[in-house]
Amino acid sequence: MPDAPSDGWRTYDEFAAGIATYRLPNADLTGQDITISLDDGEKLALSFTDARRATCNGVEDPYDAVAVRDDVYFVNLPLTSVEGEALTVVWSTTTHRALAVRSVIGTEDVEGVPRVSQAFRSGTTDGGEPSGAVPGPSRDLIGKRNLYRYSPDHLYEHIYVSSQRYAWQCLEGVQRGHGDMDLSTVWKFQDSLYLFCFREFRIAVASVWLHDLGYALRTTGVFLGITGDGRSEHSRAGGHVYPLGSVAYPDAQPV
């Protein structure tokens, strides 16, 4: 077994290299149009020009789409029209429910606060009458412990400790031996399908994932962060989920 690295904390671009090896394939949404009405009144009018470009409310940006399930799409717009921002949307063509996450890199470091912030909203699509539960914050993952295999060289363990934080450690990869406890957010989108997002303290990076914890046991995600040479960068990610078990608290519960 290799030793822990001796050359210090890794930068975002170092650990993200190759982390999309086991990601699900991209989906081509060419010619499709969808309008998502968010719970704060904002509307996202998405029009997919081809396999790589889309407009959102008339502004063109690249996009990356994955069919996480036959009726659920995970779409990320790594915004080039706005520096240091990304918009990630998830929607179902069956329930017509949706959610949106906006990730933003702050202009400067603030002690004790992650550099990359995130905002979360639920919504509905114009594809039909919405059905099922409204996506929202969930405590379902608290106490669970999973392994995530993103490539032959990326193996991480996650422990979901509360509604606000999770702990992680790298078992294989350039971050081997490193770990931390960072801010996290979990929303339930539908049965066994969870939005999981984290915001790191030690480096300027945040991520958005959709965990399919049903039979598929797959995860699809994206990162937004600052590289070792100071550039903002978007990265794709994804892989396999291996549940290790869970605990239940008998009386006092985590926040």
Protein backbone atom coordinates (compact mmCIF):
# COMPACT_ATOMS: atom_id res chain seq x y z
CA MET A 1 0.00 0.00 0.00
CA PRO A 2 1.51 3.38 -0.98
CA ASP A 3 2.33 5.91 1.71
CA ALA A 4 0.50 9.18 2.17
CA PRO A 5 1.86 12.01 -0.01
CA SER A 6 4.61 14.04 1.61
CA ASP A 7 4.41 17.16 -0.55
CA GLY A 8 1.45 18.92 1.10
CA TRP A 9 -2.15 19.66 0.26
CA ARG A 10 -3.14 19.10 -3.37
CA THR A 11 -4.71 21.79 -5.54
CA TYR A 12 -8.13 21.42 -7.14
CA ASP A 13 -6.80 20.75 -10.65
CA GLU A 14 -4.39 18.09 -9.34
CA PHE A 15 -7.05 15.97 -7.64
CA ALA A 16 -9.68 16.55 -10.35
CA ALA A 17 -7.53 15.19 -13.20
CA GLY A 18 -9.15 11.97 -14.42
CA ILE A 19 -12.05 12.09 -11.96
CA ALA A 20 -14.61 11.70 -14.78
CA THR A 21 -13.19 8.36 -16.01
CA TYR A 22 -16.18 6.32 -14.81
CA ARG A 23 -18.78 9.00 -15.47
CA LEU A 24 -21.96 8.13 -17.33
CA PRO A 25 -21.91 9.14 -21.02
CA ASN A 26 -23.02 12.56 -22.18
CA ALA A 27 -26.52 13.07 -23.54
CA ASP A 28 -27.21 15.11 -26.68
CA LEU A 29 -30.15 17.50 -26.16
CA THR A 30 -29.91 19.14 -29.61
CA GLY A 31 -33.16 20.87 -30.58
CA GLN A 32 -34.82 20.55 -27.20
CA ASP A 33 -36.37 23.50 -25.34
CA ILE A 34 -37.46 23.58 -21.72
CA THR A 35 -38.55 26.31 -19.35
CA ILE A 36 -38.04 25.83 -15.62
CA SER A 37 -40.03 28.00 -13.22
CA LEU A 38 -38.18 28.31 -9.93
CA ASP A 39 -39.77 28.81 -6.52
CA ASP A 40 -38.47 32.39 -6.21
CA GLY A 41 -40.21 33.43 -9.43
CA GLU A 42 -37.18 33.24 -11.76
CA LYS A 43 -37.60 31.38 -15.03
CA LEU A 44 -34.84 29.52 -16.86
CA ALA A 45 -35.63 29.25 -20.56
CA LEU A 46 -33.19 26.65 -21.90
CA SER A 47 -32.70 26.00 -25.61
CA PHE A 48 -30.13 23.44 -26.73
CA THR A 49 -28.50 24.50 -29.98
CA ASP A 50 -26.39 21.37 -30.49
CA ALA A 51 -24.57 18.74 -28.43
CA ARG A 52 -22.36 21.34 -26.72
CA ARG A 53 -24.01 24.79 -26.76
CA ALA A 54 -27.20 26.06 -25.17
CA THR A 55 -28.86 29.37 -24.40
CA CYS A 56 -30.32 30.20 -21.02
CA ASN A 57 -32.63 33.22 -21.11
CA GLY A 58 -31.04 34.19 -24.41
CA VAL A 59 -27.39 33.98 -23.28
CA GLU A 60 -25.26 31.28 -24.95
CA ASP A 61 -22.93 29.04 -22.92
CA PRO A 62 -21.54 25.52 -23.16
CA TYR A 63 -23.46 22.72 -21.47
CA ASP A 64 -22.90 19.17 -20.31
CA ALA A 65 -25.85 16.78 -19.98
CA VAL A 66 -26.21 13.27 -18.55
CA ALA A 67 -29.32 11.08 -18.51
CA VAL A 68 -28.97 9.88 -14.92
CA ARG A 69 -32.14 7.83 -15.38
CA ASP A 70 -34.36 7.38 -18.42
CA ASP A 71 -36.50 10.32 -17.28
CA VAL A 72 -34.02 12.41 -15.26
CA TYR A 73 -31.43 14.79 -16.69
CA PHE A 74 -28.43 16.35 -14.95
CA VAL A 75 -27.33 19.42 -16.92
CA ASN A 76 -24.46 21.74 -16.05
CA LEU A 77 -23.74 25.08 -17.69
CA PRO A 78 -20.10 26.00 -16.92
CA LEU A 79 -20.77 29.65 -17.57
CA THR A 80 -18.38 31.44 -19.87
CA SER A 81 -20.69 34.45 -20.08
CA VAL A 82 -20.03 35.11 -16.35
CA GLU A 83 -16.60 34.51 -14.82
CA GLY A 84 -16.40 32.05 -11.93
CA GLU A 85 -20.00 30.80 -11.98
CA ALA A 86 -21.85 27.63 -12.91
CA LEU A 87 -25.53 26.74 -13.16
CA THR A 88 -26.59 23.13 -12.63
CA VAL A 89 -30.16 22.00 -13.25
CA VAL A 90 -31.88 18.65 -12.75
CA TRP A 91 -35.32 17.79 -14.07
CA SER A 92 -37.64 14.87 -14.60
CA THR A 93 -39.64 14.37 -17.78
CA THR A 94 -42.10 12.22 -15.79
CA THR A 95 -42.82 14.27 -12.65
CA HIS A 96 -41.89 17.61 -14.24
CA ARG A 97 -40.10 18.55 -11.02
CA ALA A 98 -36.79 20.41 -11.20
CA LEU A 99 -34.06 21.94 -9.07
CA ALA A 100 -31.27 24.40 -9.74
CA VAL A 101 -27.92 25.07 -8.08
CA ARG A 102 -25.87 28.19 -8.75
CA SER A 103 -22.21 27.97 -7.72
CA VAL A 104 -20.17 31.18 -7.46
CA ILE A 105 -16.49 31.76 -6.70
CA GLY A 106 -16.10 34.67 -4.26
CA THR A 107 -13.85 37.59 -5.09
CA GLU A 108 -11.54 36.97 -2.11
CA ASP A 109 -10.81 34.54 0.69
CA VAL A 110 -12.69 35.03 3.96
CA GLU A 111 -11.40 33.11 6.97
CA GLY A 112 -13.77 30.35 8.05
CA VAL A 113 -15.98 30.65 4.96
CA PRO A 114 -15.68 28.50 1.81
CA ARG A 115 -14.55 30.59 -1.18
CA VAL A 116 -17.19 29.00 -3.45
CA SER A 117 -20.81 29.55 -2.41
CA GLN A 118 -23.94 27.77 -3.60
CA ALA A 119 -27.66 28.62 -3.77
CA PHE A 120 -30.44 26.02 -4.13
CA ARG A 121 -33.95 26.31 -5.56
CA SER A 122 -36.70 23.91 -6.54
CA GLY A 123 -38.96 24.36 -9.52
CA THR A 124 -41.18 22.82 -12.18
CA THR A 125 -40.86 22.40 -15.94
CA ASP A 126 -43.27 23.34 -18.68
CA GLY A 127 -43.45 19.69 -19.81
CA GLY A 128 -46.68 18.89 -17.98
CA GLU A 129 -48.51 18.93 -14.67
CA PRO A 130 -46.05 18.38 -11.79
CA SER A 131 -46.53 15.34 -9.59
CA GLY A 132 -44.80 13.77 -6.61
CA ALA A 133 -42.92 15.45 -3.77
CA VAL A 134 -41.29 18.84 -4.21
CA PRO A 135 -37.45 18.51 -4.14
CA GLY A 136 -36.04 19.85 -0.91
CA PRO A 137 -33.56 19.43 1.95
CA SER A 138 -33.21 15.88 3.24
CA ARG A 139 -31.73 14.17 6.29
CA ASP A 140 -31.84 10.73 4.66
CA LEU A 141 -28.05 10.41 4.23
CA ILE A 142 -27.13 11.23 7.84
CA GLY A 143 -25.21 8.30 9.30
CA LYS A 144 -24.45 6.68 5.95
CA ARG A 145 -20.93 5.73 4.90
CA ASN A 146 -20.12 5.19 1.21
CA LEU A 147 -17.15 4.63 -1.05
CA TYR A 148 -16.95 6.48 -4.38
CA ARG A 149 -14.82 5.09 -7.22
CA TYR A 150 -14.30 7.70 -9.94
CA SER A 151 -11.36 6.10 -11.77
CA PRO A 152 -8.66 3.47 -11.18
CA ASP A 153 -6.78 6.25 -9.36
CA HIS A 154 -9.65 7.94 -7.48
CA LEU A 155 -11.26 6.25 -4.45
CA TYR A 156 -12.88 8.33 -1.72
CA GLU A 157 -14.87 7.63 1.42
CA HIS A 158 -17.74 9.87 2.54
CA ILE A 159 -19.41 9.88 5.95
CA TYR A 160 -22.53 12.03 6.20
CA VAL A 161 -22.44 13.37 9.74
CA SER A 162 -25.23 15.98 9.82
CA SER A 163 -27.51 18.11 7.67
CA GLN A 164 -24.66 20.61 7.29
CA ARG A 165 -21.39 18.65 7.11
CA TYR A 166 -19.78 15.52 5.76
CA ALA A 167 -16.36 13.94 6.33
CA TRP A 168 -14.18 12.58 3.56
CA GLN A 169 -10.87 10.85 3.08
CA CYS A 170 -8.94 9.78 0.00
CA LEU A 171 -8.03 6.08 -0.07
CA GLU A 172 -6.44 6.07 -3.54
CA GLY A 173 -5.19 8.98 -5.62
CA VAL A 174 -3.01 12.05 -5.32
CA GLN A 175 -4.86 13.07 -2.14
CA ARG A 176 -4.25 9.70 -0.44
CA GLY A 177 -4.02 10.25 3.30
CA HIS A 178 -5.78 13.59 3.11
CA GLY A 179 -9.27 14.24 4.47
CA ASP A 180 -11.42 16.88 6.08
CA MET A 181 -14.90 17.80 7.23
CA ASP A 182 -16.57 20.33 4.95
CA LEU A 183 -19.91 22.05 4.50
CA SER A 184 -22.47 20.02 2.57
CA THR A 185 -26.07 20.16 1.39
CA VAL A 186 -28.35 17.23 0.57
CA TRP A 187 -31.68 17.49 -1.23
CA LYS A 188 -33.95 14.62 -2.13
CA PHE A 189 -35.02 14.84 -5.76
CA GLN A 190 -37.07 11.63 -5.83
CA ASP A 191 -36.89 8.10 -4.48
CA SER A 192 -33.22 7.07 -3.99
CA LEU A 193 -32.02 10.09 -6.00
CA TYR A 194 -30.19 12.73 -3.98
CA LEU A 195 -28.51 16.01 -4.80
CA PHE A 196 -25.29 16.22 -2.79
CA CYS A 197 -23.14 19.35 -2.79
CA PHE A 198 -20.03 20.28 -0.84
CA ARG A 199 -18.02 23.45 -0.29
CA GLU A 200 -14.43 23.03 0.88
CA PHE A 201 -12.64 25.22 3.40
CA ARG A 202 -8.99 24.49 2.63
CA ILE A 203 -9.12 25.02 -1.13
CA ALA A 204 -11.46 27.06 -3.30
CA VAL A 205 -13.71 24.36 -4.76
CA ALA A 206 -17.32 23.23 -4.60
CA SER A 207 -19.18 20.45 -6.32
CA VAL A 208 -22.66 19.37 -7.35
CA TRP A 209 -23.51 15.66 -7.51
CA LEU A 210 -26.60 13.59 -8.19
CA HIS A 211 -26.32 10.31 -6.28
CA ASP A 212 -28.48 7.47 -7.60
CA LEU A 213 -28.58 5.24 -4.53
CA GLY A 214 -31.15 2.85 -5.97
CA TYR A 215 -30.16 -0.20 -8.01
CA ALA A 216 -27.80 1.82 -10.23
CA LEU A 217 -25.45 3.01 -7.44
CA ARG A 218 -23.94 5.66 -9.71
CA THR A 219 -23.09 9.31 -9.17
CA THR A 220 -22.74 12.17 -11.65
CA GLY A 221 -21.14 15.47 -10.74
CA VAL A 222 -19.28 18.65 -11.58
CA PHE A 223 -16.72 20.87 -9.84
CA LEU A 224 -16.10 24.61 -9.87
CA GLY A 225 -12.92 25.91 -8.28
CA ILE A 226 -9.63 27.76 -8.54
CA THR A 227 -6.58 25.96 -9.92
CA GLY A 228 -3.08 26.06 -8.49
CA ASP A 229 -2.16 28.91 -10.83
CA GLY A 230 -5.20 30.99 -9.89
CA ARG A 231 -7.61 30.26 -12.77
CA SER A 232 -11.27 29.38 -12.35
CA GLU A 233 -12.01 25.96 -13.81
CA HIS A 234 -14.98 23.67 -14.37
CA SER A 235 -14.53 19.87 -14.23
CA ARG A 236 -16.81 16.90 -14.84
CA ALA A 237 -16.88 13.93 -12.48
CA GLY A 238 -18.72 10.69 -11.86
CA GLY A 239 -18.43 7.07 -10.93
CA HIS A 240 -19.68 4.15 -8.86
CA VAL A 241 -21.07 4.12 -5.32
CA TYR A 242 -20.28 1.33 -2.84
CA PRO A 243 -22.32 1.54 0.40
CA LEU A 244 -20.34 0.53 3.50
CA GLY A 245 -23.17 0.77 6.01
CA SER A 246 -24.95 3.25 8.23
CA VAL A 247 -25.61 4.11 11.86
CA ALA A 248 -28.76 5.33 13.60
CA TYR A 249 -28.66 7.73 16.53
CA PRO A 250 -30.73 6.40 19.48
CA ASP A 251 -31.69 9.70 21.11
CA ALA A 252 -29.96 13.04 20.45
CA GLN A 253 -29.81 13.74 16.72
CA PRO A 254 -27.30 15.71 14.62
CA VAL A 255 -28.29 19.14 13.41
